[in-house]
Amino acid sequence: MKLSVLVLITALAVALSIGLVNFYFQHNLYYLAVSFGISFVTSFLVFYYLFEKYIYTKIKLIYKLIHNLKLGKDLKEALGEYVSADPINDVEAEVKEWAGAKKKEIDLLKKQEQFRREFLSNVSHEFKTPLFAIQGYVETLQDCLLDDPEMAMKFLKKAEKNIERLSYLINDLDAISKLETGEMPINFEKFDFVVLAREVMDSLEDTAQTHKIKLFFKDKYTGPTMVYADREKIRQILINLLQNSIKYGNENGSTAIKIFELHDQFLIEVTDDGIGIEEKHLTRLFERFYRIDSHRSRKEGGTGLGLAIVKHILEAHEQTISVRSTPNIGTTFGFTLQKSN
């Protein structure tokens, strides 16, 4: 409501009250009209001055502060520029919007705090498991190093595996940290994705045969597919997705890579016919340390960070990844890559 309208309504109310009081005592319409007129003019001028000086000016100042601080200006700049034509209603709208934004911010902070607690708990757990194992092996070695060298060698190898696991964990955490902060550069180049995919499949062929999994391209997806991305980081993505499909695939199963051409991107899909994933897990699959089957994941040697790294690499490329899955039927991971000009 504008100032003039607000003052007009207030002055009318006061003048009407005074006029009616005079009419009650004088019973004269002339006195009613005169008292109403004088009261109205006097009230309008007085209220306009008071409202303008003590209320409206301060509301304008509050609105300017809210409006300009929302635009990211500092306090000094915020005091000097924007003036609203209707600051009372605008202040109400701005405060409601501000309150809504703050609620969202508080909710986000609560989620981040919960994530931080879970993350620290997971990191602590992931480090304690191999460290306690190494500690146990070293203590046992001290007892049997001279008496049973063969047994000592077995414990040394087990300790070595746990040290390797710690090393993988530290490297993965370091990679995620650098990707998040932009310290790990993305070296874009033009290359044929099909050639890279075949290289990765060849490197994992022995592992796949051990698990009795067949890796293949379907014939119609083997034409040159020129993309613009960081070749080595895309290699890392493919290795991670193919290794997962091998780990969780069924015996005598298969994993296929498919390529679909979009407008200015290629959609790459890695599809297997393995054990699948329940729907309740899909939304959290790319979180750090999130495991569907923690016992099996640790047995297979995973750190629980692979898919989180995949997501961060693609986000650094300004691309996306998604997953769909049906238990006992299979899983498909799909991600996009920019076409090369």
Foldseek 3Di string as FASTA:
>chain_A
DALLVVQQVVQQVQLQVQLVVCCVVPVDVVSSVVSSVVSSVVSSVVSSVCCVPPPPVVLQQVLLQLVVVVVVDDNVVSRPDDGDRHSVVVVVVSVVVVVVVVVVVVVVVVVVVVLVVVVVVLVVVLLVVLVVLLVVLVVVCVVCVPPPVVVNVVSVVVNVLSVVLVVVLVVLVVLLVCLVVVVDDKDKDKDFVLVLLVVLCVVCVVVLVVLQEAEEEDPVQNPTAIFITRSVLVSLLSNLVVVVCSLFAHHNWYWYWHWDDDDFKIKIKIKIQGQKDDPVCFVCQLPAQDDPDVVSCVVVSDRSHSSVSSQSRQVSQVKGKGKDIDGNGIIMIMIMTGGDD
